[in-house]
C-alpha atoms as a PDB file:
ATOM      1  CA  UNK A   1     -27.673  28.012 -26.448  1.00  0.00           C
ATOM      2  CA  UNK A   2     -23.680  27.330 -27.628  1.00  0.00           C
ATOM      3  CA  UNK A   3     -22.608  29.644 -24.883  1.00  0.00           C
ATOM      4  CA  UNK A   4     -23.913  27.518 -22.074  1.00  0.00           C
ATOM      5  CA  UNK A   5     -22.130  24.723 -23.745  1.00  0.00           C
ATOM      6  CA  UNK A   6     -19.372  26.268 -23.226  1.00  0.00           C
ATOM      7  CA  UNK A   7     -19.169  27.978 -20.137  1.00  0.00           C
ATOM      8  CA  UNK A   8     -20.127  23.828 -18.986  1.00  0.00           C
ATOM      9  CA  UNK A   9     -17.014  22.548 -20.905  1.00  0.00           C
ATOM     10  CA  UNK A  10     -15.044  25.164 -19.725  1.00  0.00           C
ATOM     11  CA  UNK A  11     -16.139  24.998 -15.558  1.00  0.00           C
ATOM     12  CA  UNK A  12     -15.368  20.569 -16.499  1.00  0.00           C
ATOM     13  CA  UNK A  13     -11.900  21.602 -17.516  1.00  0.00           C
ATOM     14  CA  UNK A  14     -10.589  23.687 -15.072  1.00  0.00           C
ATOM     15  CA  UNK A  15     -12.511  20.793 -12.001  1.00  0.00           C
ATOM     16  CA  UNK A  16     -10.817  18.089 -13.917  1.00  0.00           C
ATOM     17  CA  UNK A  17      -7.292  19.696 -14.107  1.00  0.00           C
ATOM     18  CA  UNK A  18      -7.888  20.735 -10.319  1.00  0.00           C
ATOM     19  CA  UNK A  19      -8.547  16.912  -9.468  1.00  0.00           C
ATOM     20  CA  UNK A  20      -5.345  15.519 -11.472  1.00  0.00           C
ATOM     21  CA  UNK A  21      -3.226  18.866  -9.421  1.00  0.00           C
ATOM     22  CA  UNK A  22      -4.753  17.623  -6.219  1.00  0.00           C
ATOM     23  CA  UNK A  23      -4.102  13.789  -6.428  1.00  0.00           C
ATOM     24  CA  UNK A  24      -0.476  14.469  -7.539  1.00  0.00           C
ATOM     25  CA  UNK A  25      -0.221  16.520  -4.727  1.00  0.00           C
ATOM     26  CA  UNK A  26      -2.059  14.327  -2.283  1.00  0.00           C
ATOM     27  CA  UNK A  27       1.049  11.393  -4.379  1.00  0.00           C
ATOM     28  CA  UNK A  28       3.583  13.457  -3.905  1.00  0.00           C
ATOM     29  CA  UNK A  29       3.803  14.162  -0.417  1.00  0.00           C
ATOM     30  CA  UNK A  30       3.217  10.273   1.297  1.00  0.00           C
ATOM     31  CA  UNK A  31       5.257   8.854  -0.744  1.00  0.00           C
ATOM     32  CA  UNK A  32       8.647   7.913   1.126  1.00  0.00           C
ATOM     33  CA  UNK A  33      11.807   6.992  -1.053  1.00  0.00           C
ATOM     34  CA  UNK A  34      12.961   3.441  -0.599  1.00  0.00           C
ATOM     35  CA  UNK A  35      16.516   2.934  -0.014  1.00  0.00           C
ATOM     36  CA  UNK A  36      19.085   0.244   1.197  1.00  0.00           C
ATOM     37  CA  UNK A  37      21.915   1.384   3.396  1.00  0.00           C
ATOM     38  CA  UNK A  38      24.291   2.205   0.846  1.00  0.00           C
ATOM     39  CA  UNK A  39      22.172   3.875  -1.302  1.00  0.00           C
ATOM     40  CA  UNK A  40      21.251   6.083   1.908  1.00  0.00           C
ATOM     41  CA  UNK A  41      24.397   6.644   2.638  1.00  0.00           C
ATOM     42  CA  UNK A  42      25.448   7.995  -0.635  1.00  0.00           C
ATOM     43  CA  UNK A  43      22.147  10.037  -0.930  1.00  0.00           C
ATOM     44  CA  UNK A  44      22.490  11.573   2.608  1.00  0.00           C
ATOM     45  CA  UNK A  45      22.770  15.586   1.597  1.00  0.00           C
ATOM     46  CA  UNK A  46      19.307  15.006  -0.545  1.00  0.00           C
ATOM     47  CA  UNK A  47      17.501  12.645   1.951  1.00  0.00           C
ATOM     48  CA  UNK A  48      18.572  14.960   5.581  1.00  0.00           C
ATOM     49  CA  UNK A  49      15.356  15.160   7.665  1.00  0.00           C
ATOM     50  CA  UNK A  50      13.200  13.980   5.012  1.00  0.00           C
ATOM     51  CA  UNK A  51      11.231  10.230   5.837  1.00  0.00           C
ATOM     52  CA  UNK A  52      12.872   7.310   4.652  1.00  0.00           C
ATOM     53  CA  UNK A  53      12.382   3.818   3.996  1.00  0.00           C
ATOM     54  CA  UNK A  54      15.859   1.325   4.300  1.00  0.00           C
ATOM     55  CA  UNK A  55      15.548  -2.593   4.408  1.00  0.00           C
ATOM     56  CA  UNK A  56      18.581  -4.180   5.550  1.00  0.00           C
ATOM     57  CA  UNK A  57      20.356  -6.796   7.704  1.00  0.00           C
ATOM     58  CA  UNK A  58      20.977  -5.907  11.859  1.00  0.00           C
ATOM     59  CA  UNK A  59      24.676  -5.389  12.158  1.00  0.00           C
ATOM     60  CA  UNK A  60      25.685  -8.385  14.804  1.00  0.00           C
ATOM     61  CA  UNK A  61      27.114  -6.549  17.677  1.00  0.00           C
ATOM     62  CA  UNK A  62      24.702  -3.108  17.593  1.00  0.00           C
ATOM     63  CA  UNK A  63      21.292  -4.277  19.158  1.00  0.00           C
ATOM     64  CA  UNK A  64      20.512  -2.547  22.982  1.00  0.00           C
ATOM     65  CA  UNK A  65      17.862  -2.565  24.291  1.00  0.00           C
ATOM     66  CA  UNK A  66      16.454   0.074  27.527  1.00  0.00           C
ATOM     67  CA  UNK A  67      13.598  -1.290  28.876  1.00  0.00           C
ATOM     68  CA  UNK A  68      13.234   1.708  31.179  1.00  0.00           C
ATOM     69  CA  UNK A  69      13.261   3.794  28.489  1.00  0.00           C
ATOM     70  CA  UNK A  70      11.749   1.875  25.604  1.00  0.00           C
ATOM     71  CA  UNK A  71      14.296   1.812  23.284  1.00  0.00           C
ATOM     72  CA  UNK A  72      15.893   0.044  21.005  1.00  0.00           C
ATOM     73  CA  UNK A  73      19.626   1.585  19.123  1.00  0.00           C
ATOM     74  CA  UNK A  74      21.069  -0.677  16.537  1.00  0.00           C
ATOM     75  CA  UNK A  75      22.521  -0.442  12.672  1.00  0.00           C
ATOM     76  CA  UNK A  76      21.650  -1.882   9.597  1.00  0.00           C
ATOM     77  CA  UNK A  77      23.562  -3.364   7.056  1.00  0.00           C
ATOM     78  CA  UNK A  78      24.058  -4.365   3.703  1.00  0.00           C
ATOM     79  CA  UNK A  79      24.106  -7.440   2.998  1.00  0.00           C
ATOM     80  CA  UNK A  80      27.320  -6.436   0.933  1.00  0.00           C
ATOM     81  CA  UNK A  81      28.092  -4.997   4.266  1.00  0.00           C
ATOM     82  CA  UNK A  82      29.592  -1.899   3.375  1.00  0.00           C
ATOM     83  CA  UNK A  83      27.366   0.493   4.618  1.00  0.00           C
ATOM     84  CA  UNK A  84      25.823   0.670   7.330  1.00  0.00           C
ATOM     85  CA  UNK A  85      23.003   3.417   9.245  1.00  0.00           C
ATOM     86  CA  UNK A  86      21.989   3.511  12.861  1.00  0.00           C
ATOM     87  CA  UNK A  87      18.227   3.803  14.212  1.00  0.00           C
ATOM     88  CA  UNK A  88      16.874   4.690  17.095  1.00  0.00           C
ATOM     89  CA  UNK A  89      13.610   4.046  17.611  1.00  0.00           C
ATOM     90  CA  UNK A  90      11.736   4.157  20.823  1.00  0.00           C
ATOM     91  CA  UNK A  91       8.885   1.203  20.899  1.00  0.00           C
ATOM     92  CA  UNK A  92       8.583  -1.792  22.375  1.00  0.00           C
ATOM     93  CA  UNK A  93      11.026  -4.090  20.402  1.00  0.00           C
ATOM     94  CA  UNK A  94       9.366  -7.229  18.489  1.00  0.00           C
ATOM     95  CA  UNK A  95       9.715 -10.705  19.665  1.00  0.00           C
ATOM     96  CA  UNK A  96      11.837 -12.025  16.599  1.00  0.00           C
ATOM     97  CA  UNK A  97      14.003  -9.365  16.774  1.00  0.00           C
ATOM     98  CA  UNK A  98      18.042 -10.628  16.655  1.00  0.00           C
ATOM     99  CA  UNK A  99      21.235  -9.753  15.291  1.00  0.00           C
ATOM    100  CA  UNK A 100      21.767 -10.607  11.614  1.00  0.00           C
ATOM    101  CA  UNK A 101      18.534 -10.867  11.080  1.00  0.00           C
ATOM    102  CA  UNK A 102      16.142  -8.700   8.138  1.00  0.00           C
ATOM    103  CA  UNK A 103      14.675  -5.461   8.810  1.00  0.00           C
ATOM    104  CA  UNK A 104      12.182  -2.865   7.559  1.00  0.00           C
ATOM    105  CA  UNK A 105      12.309   0.514   8.741  1.00  0.00           C
ATOM    106  CA  UNK A 106      10.904   3.373   7.966  1.00  0.00           C
ATOM    107  CA  UNK A 107      11.296   7.128   9.755  1.00  0.00           C
ATOM    108  CA  UNK A 108      13.420  10.298   9.404  1.00  0.00           C
ATOM    109  CA  UNK A 109      17.417  10.630   8.587  1.00  0.00           C
ATOM    110  CA  UNK A 110      18.859  12.508  10.149  1.00  0.00           C
ATOM    111  CA  UNK A 111      22.478  13.364   7.911  1.00  0.00           C
ATOM    112  CA  UNK A 112      24.832  14.763   9.435  1.00  0.00           C
ATOM    113  CA  UNK A 113      24.058  11.861  12.087  1.00  0.00           C
ATOM    114  CA  UNK A 114      24.004   9.036   9.978  1.00  0.00           C
ATOM    115  CA  UNK A 115      20.861   8.392  12.542  1.00  0.00           C
ATOM    116  CA  UNK A 116      16.991   7.177  11.322  1.00  0.00           C
ATOM    117  CA  UNK A 117      14.851   8.071  14.301  1.00  0.00           C
ATOM    118  CA  UNK A 118      12.327   4.915  13.108  1.00  0.00           C
ATOM    119  CA  UNK A 119       8.673   4.852  13.437  1.00  0.00           C
ATOM    120  CA  UNK A 120       8.130   1.675  12.272  1.00  0.00           C
ATOM    121  CA  UNK A 121      10.264  -1.794  12.486  1.00  0.00           C
ATOM    122  CA  UNK A 122       9.532  -4.493  11.203  1.00  0.00           C
ATOM    123  CA  UNK A 123      11.158  -7.802  11.235  1.00  0.00           C
ATOM    124  CA  UNK A 124      11.250 -11.039   9.124  1.00  0.00           C
ATOM    125  CA  UNK A 125      10.536 -14.331  10.625  1.00  0.00           C
ATOM    126  CA  UNK A 126      13.335 -16.478   8.312  1.00  0.00           C
ATOM    127  CA  UNK A 127      12.352 -19.839  10.122  1.00  0.00           C
ATOM    128  CA  UNK A 128       9.404 -19.788   8.265  1.00  0.00           C
ATOM    129  CA  UNK A 129      11.149 -19.196   4.877  1.00  0.00           C
ATOM    130  CA  UNK A 130      13.476 -21.972   5.577  1.00  0.00           C
ATOM    131  CA  UNK A 131      11.181 -24.328   6.088  1.00  0.00           C
ATOM    132  CA  UNK A 132       8.642 -23.860   2.939  1.00  0.00           C
ATOM    133  CA  UNK A 133      11.840 -23.525   0.622  1.00  0.00           C
ATOM    134  CA  UNK A 134      13.156 -26.774   2.132  1.00  0.00           C
ATOM    135  CA  UNK A 135      10.131 -28.156   1.520  1.00  0.00           C
ATOM    136  CA  UNK A 136       8.388 -28.805   4.505  1.00  0.00           C
ATOM    137  CA  UNK A 137       4.893 -29.464   4.851  1.00  0.00           C
ATOM    138  CA  UNK A 138       1.961 -27.062   6.265  1.00  0.00           C
ATOM    139  CA  UNK A 139       2.053 -29.024   9.388  1.00  0.00           C
ATOM    140  CA  UNK A 140       5.667 -27.886  10.176  1.00  0.00           C
ATOM    141  CA  UNK A 141       4.561 -24.146  10.498  1.00  0.00           C
END
């Protein structure tokens, strides 16, 4: 009886350890680090050829849209304007994409070319937030 209980406890500990290992490994493999452009440039060697998330402002004068190839190229800058990171996005250009607007990019970073090949691109529509801050009514949206 005691021997059987010991086997059950040992099996339970092994099973719990294996499950904990799989959870930790899964989280580590699916988590993507988040940076501002200056943080990404400063840590370029550490994140070269890895997935990253970057948010900032669309650098004025940088966007170029090639409708024939579905390629959008632009640069993201810090809010302070000190560092920029180039972005290549090969999907449809978002409707509210505009120079100086807020953008969130997820993709693979190439440190040699300071380029993110983006798999996700999200823009923030500032007009909705400005109306809410100024006390506009819900009917104004």
